PDB file of N, CA and C in Angstrom:
ATOM      1  N   UNK A   1       0.095  -1.130  -0.323  1.00  0.00           N
ATOM      2  CA  UNK A   1      -0.312  -0.078   0.143  1.00  0.00           C
ATOM      3  C   UNK A   1       0.770   1.095   0.116  1.00  0.00           C
ATOM      4  N   UNK A   2       0.981   2.377  -0.634  1.00  0.00           N
ATOM      5  CA  UNK A   2       1.003   3.260  -1.242  1.00  0.00           C
ATOM      6  C   UNK A   2       1.231   4.067   0.847  1.00  0.00           C
ATOM      7  N   UNK A   3       2.071   5.273   0.144  1.00  0.00           N
ATOM      8  CA  UNK A   3       2.619   5.954   1.856  1.00  0.00           C
ATOM      9  C   UNK A   3       1.969   7.307   1.772  1.00  0.00           C
ATOM     10  N   UNK A   4       0.804   7.625   0.628  1.00  0.00           N
ATOM     11  CA  UNK A   4       0.580   8.841  -0.070  1.00  0.00           C
ATOM     12  C   UNK A   4      -0.497   8.327  -0.977  1.00  0.00           C
ATOM     13  N   UNK A   5      -1.491   8.973  -0.891  1.00  0.00           N
ATOM     14  CA  UNK A   5      -2.421   8.694  -2.385  1.00  0.00           C
ATOM     15  C   UNK A   5      -2.463  10.410  -3.040  1.00  0.00           C
ATOM     16  N   UNK A   6      -3.199  10.671  -3.708  1.00  0.00           N
ATOM     17  CA  UNK A   6      -3.362  11.706  -5.121  1.00  0.00           C
ATOM     18  C   UNK A   6      -4.651  12.059  -4.591  1.00  0.00           C
ATOM     19  N   UNK A   7      -5.555  13.309  -4.458  1.00  0.00           N
ATOM     20  CA  UNK A   7      -6.362  13.770  -4.761  1.00  0.00           C
ATOM     21  C   UNK A   7      -6.076  15.343  -5.464  1.00  0.00           C
ATOM     22  N   UNK A   8      -7.025  15.296  -6.129  1.00  0.00           N
ATOM     23  CA  UNK A   8      -7.518  16.741  -7.133  1.00  0.00           C
ATOM     24  C   UNK A   8      -8.064  16.974  -6.979  1.00  0.00           C
ATOM     25  N   UNK A   9      -8.072  18.644  -6.538  1.00  0.00           N
ATOM     26  CA  UNK A   9      -9.231  18.985  -6.097  1.00  0.00           C
ATOM     27  C   UNK A   9      -9.333  19.889  -7.598  1.00  0.00           C
ATOM     28  N   UNK A  10     -10.149  20.970  -8.309  1.00  0.00           N
ATOM     29  CA  UNK A  10     -10.081  22.632  -8.714  1.00  0.00           C
ATOM     30  C   UNK A  10     -11.324  23.231  -8.335  1.00  0.00           C
ATOM     31  N   UNK A  11     -11.325  24.403  -8.494  1.00  0.00           N
ATOM     32  CA  UNK A  11     -11.502  25.990  -7.667  1.00  0.00           C
ATOM     33  C   UNK A  11     -11.544  26.528  -7.851  1.00  0.00           C
ATOM     34  N   UNK A  12     -12.627  27.580  -7.343  1.00  0.00           N
ATOM     35  CA  UNK A  12     -12.165  29.195  -8.701  1.00  0.00           C
ATOM     36  C   UNK A  12     -11.630  29.829  -8.585  1.00  0.00           C
ATOM     37  N   UNK A  13     -10.662  30.332  -9.285  1.00  0.00           N
ATOM     38  CA  UNK A  13      -8.982  31.271  -8.979  1.00  0.00           C
ATOM     39  C   UNK A  13      -9.367  32.167  -7.398  1.00  0.00           C
ATOM     40  N   UNK A  14     -10.163  32.251  -7.499  1.00  0.00           N
ATOM     41  CA  UNK A  14     -11.291  33.530  -6.830  1.00  0.00           C
ATOM     42  C   UNK A  14     -10.335  32.846  -4.291  1.00  0.00           C
ATOM     43  N   UNK A  15     -11.450  31.556  -5.201  1.00  0.00           N
ATOM     44  CA  UNK A  15     -11.607  30.581  -4.278  1.00  0.00           C
ATOM     45  C   UNK A  15      -9.881  29.957  -3.717  1.00  0.00           C
ATOM     46  N   UNK A  16      -8.763  29.627  -5.143  1.00  0.00           N
ATOM     47  CA  UNK A  16      -7.424  29.233  -4.848  1.00  0.00           C
ATOM     48  C   UNK A  16      -6.422  30.960  -3.955  1.00  0.00           C
ATOM     49  N   UNK A  17      -6.199  31.505  -4.899  1.00  0.00           N
ATOM     50  CA  UNK A  17      -5.884  32.407  -3.868  1.00  0.00           C
ATOM     51  C   UNK A  17      -5.998  32.707  -1.993  1.00  0.00           C
ATOM     52  N   UNK A  18      -7.739  32.710  -2.564  1.00  0.00           N
ATOM     53  CA  UNK A  18      -7.898  33.048  -0.222  1.00  0.00           C
ATOM     54  C   UNK A  18      -6.927  31.756  -0.069  1.00  0.00           C
ATOM     55  N   UNK A  19      -7.178  30.777  -0.294  1.00  0.00           N
ATOM     56  CA  UNK A  19      -6.368  29.726   0.136  1.00  0.00           C
ATOM     57  C   UNK A  19      -4.830  29.755   0.358  1.00  0.00           C
ATOM     58  N   UNK A  20      -4.032  30.019  -0.880  1.00  0.00           N
ATOM     59  CA  UNK A  20      -2.823  30.357  -0.689  1.00  0.00           C
ATOM     60  C   UNK A  20      -2.912  30.902  -0.006  1.00  0.00           C
ATOM     61  N   UNK A  21      -3.268  32.117   0.519  1.00  0.00           N
ATOM     62  CA  UNK A  21      -3.016  33.777   1.114  1.00  0.00           C
ATOM     63  C   UNK A  21      -3.554  33.293   3.340  1.00  0.00           C
ATOM     64  N   UNK A  22      -4.422  32.247   2.894  1.00  0.00           N
ATOM     65  CA  UNK A  22      -4.894  31.201   4.279  1.00  0.00           C
ATOM     66  C   UNK A  22      -3.487  29.971   4.827  1.00  0.00           C
ATOM     67  N   UNK A  23      -3.103  29.473   4.012  1.00  0.00           N
ATOM     68  CA  UNK A  23      -1.844  28.887   3.965  1.00  0.00           C
ATOM     69  C   UNK A  23      -0.552  30.311   3.962  1.00  0.00           C
ATOM     70  N   UNK A  24      -0.359  30.235   3.759  1.00  0.00           N
ATOM     71  CA  UNK A  24       1.143  31.776   3.307  1.00  0.00           C
ATOM     72  C   UNK A  24       0.829  32.054   5.355  1.00  0.00           C
ATOM     73  N   UNK A  25      -0.557  32.592   5.588  1.00  0.00           N
ATOM     74  CA  UNK A  25      -0.999  32.407   7.399  1.00  0.00           C
ATOM     75  C   UNK A  25      -0.676  32.205   7.680  1.00  0.00           C
ATOM     76  N   UNK A  26      -0.789  30.859   7.822  1.00  0.00           N
ATOM     77  CA  UNK A  26      -0.784  29.587   8.982  1.00  0.00           C
ATOM     78  C   UNK A  26       0.280  29.495   8.963  1.00  0.00           C
ATOM     79  N   UNK A  27       1.440  29.505   7.615  1.00  0.00           N
ATOM     80  CA  UNK A  27       2.955  29.688   7.933  1.00  0.00           C
ATOM     81  C   UNK A  27       2.898  27.250   7.273  1.00  0.00           C
ATOM     82  N   UNK A  28       2.256  27.403   6.786  1.00  0.00           N
ATOM     83  CA  UNK A  28       2.191  26.700   6.234  1.00  0.00           C
ATOM     84  C   UNK A  28       1.870  26.217   4.612  1.00  0.00           C
ATOM     85  N   UNK A  29       2.511  24.617   4.023  1.00  0.00           N
ATOM     86  CA  UNK A  29       2.155  24.629   2.476  1.00  0.00           C
ATOM     87  C   UNK A  29       0.549  24.247   2.134  1.00  0.00           C
ATOM     88  N   UNK A  30       0.261  24.928   0.838  1.00  0.00           N
ATOM     89  CA  UNK A  30      -0.792  24.754   0.259  1.00  0.00           C
ATOM     90  C   UNK A  30      -1.671  22.970   0.843  1.00  0.00           C
ATOM     91  N   UNK A  31      -0.979  22.207   0.777  1.00  0.00           N
ATOM     92  CA  UNK A  31      -1.611  20.795   0.286  1.00  0.00           C
ATOM     93  C   UNK A  31      -1.705  20.801   2.662  1.00  0.00           C
ATOM     94  N   UNK A  32      -0.952  21.082   2.949  1.00  0.00           N
ATOM     95  CA  UNK A  32      -0.855  20.703   4.629  1.00  0.00           C
ATOM     96  C   UNK A  32      -2.170  21.851   4.582  1.00  0.00           C
ATOM     97  N   UNK A  33      -2.380  22.953   4.708  1.00  0.00           N
ATOM     98  CA  UNK A  33      -3.319  24.077   5.168  1.00  0.00           C
ATOM     99  C   UNK A  33      -4.678  22.662   3.990  1.00  0.00           C
ATOM    100  N   UNK A  34      -4.899  22.304   3.002  1.00  0.00           N
ATOM    101  CA  UNK A  34      -5.279  21.844   2.682  1.00  0.00           C
ATOM    102  C   UNK A  34      -5.984  20.377   3.066  1.00  0.00           C
ATOM    103  N   UNK A  35      -4.952  19.306   3.865  1.00  0.00           N
ATOM    104  CA  UNK A  35      -5.124  18.601   3.995  1.00  0.00           C
ATOM    105  C   UNK A  35      -5.665  18.369   5.418  1.00  0.00           C
ATOM    106  N   UNK A  36      -5.092  19.058   6.786  1.00  0.00           N
ATOM    107  CA  UNK A  36      -5.187  19.820   7.637  1.00  0.00           C
ATOM    108  C   UNK A  36      -6.853  20.176   7.871  1.00  0.00           C
ATOM    109  N   UNK A  37      -7.468  21.018   6.869  1.00  0.00           N
ATOM    110  CA  UNK A  37      -9.304  21.366   7.008  1.00  0.00           C
ATOM    111  C   UNK A  37      -9.862  20.395   6.658  1.00  0.00           C
ATOM    112  N   UNK A  38      -9.210  20.185   5.346  1.00  0.00           N
ATOM    113  CA  UNK A  38     -10.336  18.900   4.956  1.00  0.00           C
ATOM    114  C   UNK A  38     -10.505  17.222   6.092  1.00  0.00           C
ATOM    115  N   UNK A  39      -9.559  17.361   6.370  1.00  0.00           N
ATOM    116  CA  UNK A  39      -9.196  15.723   7.617  1.00  0.00           C
ATOM    117  C   UNK A  39     -10.094  16.322   8.457  1.00  0.00           C
ATOM    118  N   UNK A  40      -9.885  17.515   9.343  1.00  0.00           N
ATOM    119  CA  UNK A  40     -10.498  17.910  10.073  1.00  0.00           C
ATOM    120  C   UNK A  40     -12.001  18.451  10.027  1.00  0.00           C
ATOM    121  N   UNK A  41     -12.487  18.575   8.875  1.00  0.00           N
ATOM    122  CA  UNK A  41     -13.306  18.306   8.900  1.00  0.00           C
ATOM    123  C   UNK A  41     -14.714  17.060   8.743  1.00  0.00           C
ATOM    124  N   UNK A  42     -13.885  16.718   8.354  1.00  0.00           N
ATOM    125  CA  UNK A  42     -14.399  15.176   7.094  1.00  0.00           C
ATOM    126  C   UNK A  42     -14.829  13.889   9.329  1.00  0.00           C
ATOM    127  N   UNK A  43     -13.644  14.478  10.043  1.00  0.00           N
ATOM    128  CA  UNK A  43     -13.519  13.793  11.348  1.00  0.00           C
ATOM    129  C   UNK A  43     -15.047  14.279  11.752  1.00  0.00           C
ATOM    130  N   UNK A  44     -14.797  15.080  11.515  1.00  0.00           N
ATOM    131  CA  UNK A  44     -15.968  16.099  12.626  1.00  0.00           C
ATOM    132  C   UNK A  44     -17.674  15.273  12.739  1.00  0.00           C
ATOM    133  N   UNK A  45     -16.991  15.206  10.651  1.00  0.00           N
ATOM    134  CA  UNK A  45     -19.054  14.942  10.317  1.00  0.00           C
ATOM    135  C   UNK A  45     -19.046  13.519  10.816  1.00  0.00           C
ATOM    136  N   UNK A  46     -18.192  12.274  10.240  1.00  0.00           N
ATOM    137  CA  UNK A  46     -17.715  10.831  10.353  1.00  0.00           C
ATOM    138  C   UNK A  46     -17.784  10.628  11.673  1.00  0.00           C
ATOM    139  N   UNK A  47     -16.755  11.846  12.834  1.00  0.00           N
ATOM    140  CA  UNK A  47     -17.090  10.655  14.369  1.00  0.00           C
ATOM    141  C   UNK A  47     -17.165  11.722  15.379  1.00  0.00           C
ATOM    142  N   UNK A  48     -18.050  12.706  15.269  1.00  0.00           N
ATOM    143  CA  UNK A  48     -19.343  13.949  16.021  1.00  0.00           C
ATOM    144  C   UNK A  48     -18.419  15.355  15.923  1.00  0.00           C
ATOM    145  N   UNK A  49     -18.424  16.107  16.599  1.00  0.00           N
ATOM    146  CA  UNK A  49     -17.783  18.072  17.108  1.00  0.00           C
ATOM    147  C   UNK A  49     -16.790  17.346  18.103  1.00  0.00           C
ATOM    148  N   UNK A  50     -16.548  16.251  19.427  1.00  0.00           N
ATOM    149  CA  UNK A  50     -15.801  16.335  20.120  1.00  0.00           C
ATOM    150  C   UNK A  50     -14.533  15.744  19.828  1.00  0.00           C
ATOM    151  N   UNK A  51     -14.133  14.808  17.980  1.00  0.00           N
ATOM    152  CA  UNK A  51     -13.319  14.716  17.487  1.00  0.00           C
ATOM    153  C   UNK A  51     -12.445  15.943  16.817  1.00  0.00           C
ATOM    154  N   UNK A  52     -13.162  16.865  16.910  1.00  0.00           N
ATOM    155  CA  UNK A  52     -12.651  18.793  15.980  1.00  0.00           C
ATOM    156  C   UNK A  52     -11.252  19.003  17.002  1.00  0.00           C
ATOM    157  N   UNK A  53     -10.810  19.767  16.528  1.00  0.00           N
ATOM    158  CA  UNK A  53      -9.382  19.605  16.997  1.00  0.00           C
ATOM    159  C   UNK A  53     -10.597  21.104  18.053  1.00  0.00           C
ATOM    160  N   UNK A  54     -10.143  21.608  19.818  1.00  0.00           N
ATOM    161  CA  UNK A  54     -10.530  22.667  20.426  1.00  0.00           C
ATOM    162  C   UNK A  54      -9.877  23.678  19.793  1.00  0.00           C
ATOM    163  N   UNK A  55     -11.272  24.890  19.934  1.00  0.00           N
ATOM    164  CA  UNK A  55     -11.602  26.363  19.429  1.00  0.00           C
ATOM    165  C   UNK A  55     -10.284  26.760  20.803  1.00  0.00           C
ATOM    166  N   UNK A  56     -10.220  26.340  21.764  1.00  0.00           N
ATOM    167  CA  UNK A  56     -10.077  27.587  22.506  1.00  0.00           C
ATOM    168  C   UNK A  56      -9.084  27.257  22.987  1.00  0.00           C
ATOM    169  N   UNK A  57      -8.756  29.015  23.719  1.00  0.00           N
ATOM    170  CA  UNK A  57      -7.581  30.087  23.797  1.00  0.00           C
ATOM    171  C   UNK A  57      -6.394  28.860  23.955  1.00  0.00           C
ATOM    172  N   UNK A  58      -5.057  28.886  23.634  1.00  0.00           N
ATOM    173  CA  UNK A  58      -4.226  27.119  23.773  1.00  0.00           C
ATOM    174  C   UNK A  58      -3.490  28.163  24.984  1.00  0.00           C
ATOM    175  N   UNK A  59      -2.632  27.664  25.551  1.00  0.00           N
ATOM    176  CA  UNK A  59      -1.546  28.111  27.167  1.00  0.00           C
ATOM    177  C   UNK A  59      -0.889  28.464  26.329  1.00  0.00           C
ATOM    178  N   UNK A  60      -0.531  30.379  26.636  1.00  0.00           N
ATOM    179  CA  UNK A  60       0.320  30.773  26.607  1.00  0.00           C
ATOM    180  C   UNK A  60       1.197  31.037  27.684  1.00  0.00           C
ATOM    181  N   UNK A  61       2.553  30.645  26.547  1.00  0.00           N
ATOM    182  CA  UNK A  61       4.585  30.560  27.658  1.00  0.00           C
ATOM    183  C   UNK A  61       3.842  30.119  29.426  1.00  0.00           C
ATOM    184  N   UNK A  62       3.374  28.970  29.177  1.00  0.00           N
ATOM    185  CA  UNK A  62       3.781  27.966  29.439  1.00  0.00           C
ATOM    186  C   UNK A  62       2.681  28.390  30.428  1.00  0.00           C
ATOM    187  N   UNK A  63       2.039  28.774  30.988  1.00  0.00           N
ATOM    188  CA  UNK A  63       0.484  29.407  31.660  1.00  0.00           C
ATOM    189  C   UNK A  63      -1.285  29.129  31.123  1.00  0.00           C
ATOM    190  N   UNK A  64      -2.343  28.627  31.808  1.00  0.00           N
ATOM    191  CA  UNK A  64      -3.158  28.141  30.821  1.00  0.00           C
ATOM    192  C   UNK A  64      -4.212  28.940  32.403  1.00  0.00           C
ATOM    193  N   UNK A  65      -5.772  28.793  32.143  1.00  0.00           N
ATOM    194  CA  UNK A  65      -5.923  29.091  32.608  1.00  0.00           C
ATOM    195  C   UNK A  65      -7.446  28.908  32.671  1.00  0.00           C
ATOM    196  N   UNK A  66      -8.472  28.583  33.271  1.00  0.00           N
ATOM    197  CA  UNK A  66      -9.535  28.332  33.209  1.00  0.00           C
ATOM    198  C   UNK A  66     -10.982  29.193  32.930  1.00  0.00           C
ATOM    199  N   UNK A  67     -11.776  29.755  31.657  1.00  0.00           N
ATOM    200  CA  UNK A  67     -12.996  30.625  31.966  1.00  0.00           C
ATOM    201  C   UNK A  67     -13.365  30.271  33.132  1.00  0.00           C
ATOM    202  N   UNK A  68     -14.514  30.887  33.398  1.00  0.00           N
ATOM    203  CA  UNK A  68     -15.846  30.609  34.420  1.00  0.00           C
ATOM    204  C   UNK A  68     -16.911  30.576  33.429  1.00  0.00           C
ATOM    205  N   UNK A  69     -17.676  29.692  34.431  1.00  0.00           N
ATOM    206  CA  UNK A  69     -19.133  28.881  33.681  1.00  0.00           C
ATOM    207  C   UNK A  69     -19.617  30.400  33.230  1.00  0.00           C
ATOM    208  N   UNK A  70     -19.599  29.830  31.794  1.00  0.00           N
ATOM    209  CA  UNK A  70     -21.131  30.847  31.809  1.00  0.00           C
ATOM    210  C   UNK A  70     -20.147  32.674  31.015  1.00  0.00           C
ATOM    211  N   UNK A  71     -18.731  32.001  30.555  1.00  0.00           N
ATOM    212  CA  UNK A  71     -18.460  33.042  29.865  1.00  0.00           C
ATOM    213  C   UNK A  71     -18.840  33.844  28.529  1.00  0.00           C
ATOM    214  N   UNK A  72     -19.548  33.611  27.924  1.00  0.00           N
ATOM    215  CA  UNK A  72     -19.657  33.295  26.511  1.00  0.00           C
ATOM    216  C   UNK A  72     -21.586  33.846  26.394  1.00  0.00           C
ATOM    217  N   UNK A  73     -21.894  33.512  27.653  1.00  0.00           N
ATOM    218  CA  UNK A  73     -24.216  33.951  27.573  1.00  0.00           C
ATOM    219  C   UNK A  73     -23.388  35.219  27.596  1.00  0.00           C
ATOM    220  N   UNK A  74     -24.390  36.484  26.735  1.00  0.00           N
ATOM    221  CA  UNK A  74     -25.251  37.124  25.851  1.00  0.00           C
ATOM    222  C   UNK A  74     -25.017  38.024  27.227  1.00  0.00           C
ATOM    223  N   UNK A  75     -25.295  39.409  27.354  1.00  0.00           N
ATOM    224  CA  UNK A  75     -24.775  40.473  28.302  1.00  0.00           C
ATOM    225  C   UNK A  75     -26.228  40.023  29.330  1.00  0.00           C
ATOM    226  N   UNK A  76     -27.181  39.459  28.907  1.00  0.00           N
ATOM    227  CA  UNK A  76     -28.509  40.397  29.532  1.00  0.00           C
ATOM    228  C   UNK A  76     -29.160  39.180  30.458  1.00  0.00           C
ATOM    229  N   UNK A  77     -27.567  37.691  30.254  1.00  0.00           N
ATOM    230  CA  UNK A  77     -28.103  36.980  31.370  1.00  0.00           C
ATOM    231  C   UNK A  77     -27.667  37.073  32.695  1.00  0.00           C
ATOM    232  N   UNK A  78     -26.687  38.438  32.268  1.00  0.00           N
ATOM    233  CA  UNK A  78     -25.417  37.828  33.490  1.00  0.00           C
ATOM    234  C   UNK A  78     -25.708  38.739  34.226  1.00  0.00           C
ATOM    235  N   UNK A  79     -27.215  39.955  34.766  1.00  0.00           N
ATOM    236  CA  UNK A  79     -27.607  40.919  34.734  1.00  0.00           C
ATOM    237  C   UNK A  79     -28.360  40.642  36.371  1.00  0.00           C
ATOM    238  N   UNK A  80     -28.181  39.685  36.926  1.00  0.00           N
ATOM    239  CA  UNK A  80     -27.899  39.488  38.615  1.00  0.00           C
ATOM    240  C   UNK A  80     -26.707  39.930  38.880  1.00  0.00           C
ATOM    241  N   UNK A  81     -25.572  39.662  37.932  1.00  0.00           N
ATOM    242  CA  UNK A  81     -24.115  40.140  38.516  1.00  0.00           C
ATOM    243  C   UNK A  81     -24.135  41.910  37.985  1.00  0.00           C
ATOM    244  N   UNK A  82     -24.821  42.270  38.224  1.00  0.00           N
ATOM    245  CA  UNK A  82     -24.731  43.539  38.486  1.00  0.00           C
ATOM    246  C   UNK A  82     -25.072  44.529  39.127  1.00  0.00           C
TER     247      UNK A  82
END
Protein backbone atom coordinates (compact mmCIF):
# COMPACT_ATOMS: atom_id res chain seq x y z
CA UNK A 1 0.00 0.00 0.00
CA UNK A 2 1.46 3.41 -0.91
CA UNK A 3 2.45 5.82 1.86
CA UNK A 4 0.37 8.57 0.24
CA UNK A 5 -2.57 8.87 -2.12
CA UNK A 6 -3.45 11.66 -4.51
CA UNK A 7 -6.55 13.87 -4.49
CA UNK A 8 -7.00 16.44 -7.23
CA UNK A 9 -9.25 19.45 -6.66
CA UNK A 10 -10.49 22.16 -8.96
CA UNK A 11 -11.50 25.51 -7.48
CA UNK A 12 -12.35 28.95 -8.78
CA UNK A 13 -9.37 31.33 -9.04
CA UNK A 14 -10.72 33.50 -6.21
CA UNK A 15 -10.98 30.48 -3.91
CA UNK A 16 -7.47 29.41 -4.87
CA UNK A 17 -6.07 32.85 -3.96
CA UNK A 18 -7.93 32.78 -0.64
CA UNK A 19 -6.59 29.31 0.21
CA UNK A 20 -3.05 30.31 -0.77
CA UNK A 21 -3.22 33.43 1.42
CA UNK A 22 -4.62 31.47 4.38
CA UNK A 23 -1.86 28.88 4.01
CA UNK A 24 0.73 31.66 3.90
CA UNK A 25 -0.69 33.29 7.04
CA UNK A 26 -0.63 29.95 8.87
CA UNK A 27 2.98 29.31 7.73
CA UNK A 28 1.98 26.10 5.93
CA UNK A 29 2.14 24.85 2.40
CA UNK A 30 -1.13 24.88 0.49
CA UNK A 31 -1.11 21.09 0.62
CA UNK A 32 -0.62 20.98 4.42
CA UNK A 33 -3.28 23.66 4.93
CA UNK A 34 -5.80 21.88 2.70
CA UNK A 35 -5.16 18.48 4.29
CA UNK A 36 -5.56 19.91 7.81
CA UNK A 37 -8.84 21.61 6.88
CA UNK A 38 -10.27 18.68 4.94
CA UNK A 39 -9.31 15.98 7.44
CA UNK A 40 -10.56 18.10 10.35
CA UNK A 41 -13.93 18.66 8.70
CA UNK A 42 -14.19 15.01 7.64
CA UNK A 43 -13.47 13.82 11.19
CA UNK A 44 -16.06 16.22 12.57
CA UNK A 45 -18.72 14.82 10.23
CA UNK A 46 -17.79 11.15 10.54
CA UNK A 47 -16.76 10.96 14.21
CA UNK A 48 -18.77 13.85 15.64
CA UNK A 49 -17.86 17.34 16.86
CA UNK A 50 -15.88 16.00 19.86
CA UNK A 51 -13.18 14.81 17.45
CA UNK A 52 -12.64 18.28 15.98
CA UNK A 53 -9.65 20.29 17.20
CA UNK A 54 -10.48 22.54 20.14
CA UNK A 55 -11.23 26.14 19.29
CA UNK A 56 -10.52 27.26 22.87
CA UNK A 57 -7.58 29.54 23.58
CA UNK A 58 -4.26 27.72 23.91
CA UNK A 59 -1.93 28.28 26.86
CA UNK A 60 0.55 31.10 26.26
CA UNK A 61 4.05 31.06 27.70
CA UNK A 62 3.51 27.84 29.61
CA UNK A 63 0.57 29.04 31.70
CA UNK A 64 -3.09 28.25 31.30
CA UNK A 65 -6.35 29.40 32.74
CA UNK A 66 -9.93 28.28 33.03
CA UNK A 67 -12.77 30.53 32.01
CA UNK A 68 -15.68 30.76 34.46
CA UNK A 69 -18.87 28.97 33.58
CA UNK A 70 -21.10 31.15 31.44
CA UNK A 71 -18.28 33.36 30.17
CA UNK A 72 -19.77 33.29 26.69
CA UNK A 73 -23.39 33.85 27.75
CA UNK A 74 -25.20 36.89 26.37
CA UNK A 75 -24.91 39.94 28.63
CA UNK A 76 -28.66 39.93 29.31
CA UNK A 77 -28.21 36.59 31.10
CA UNK A 78 -25.65 38.15 33.47
CA UNK A 79 -27.96 40.91 34.79
CA UNK A 80 -28.02 39.24 38.20
CA UNK A 81 -24.26 39.86 38.60
CA UNK A 82 -24.53 43.66 38.23
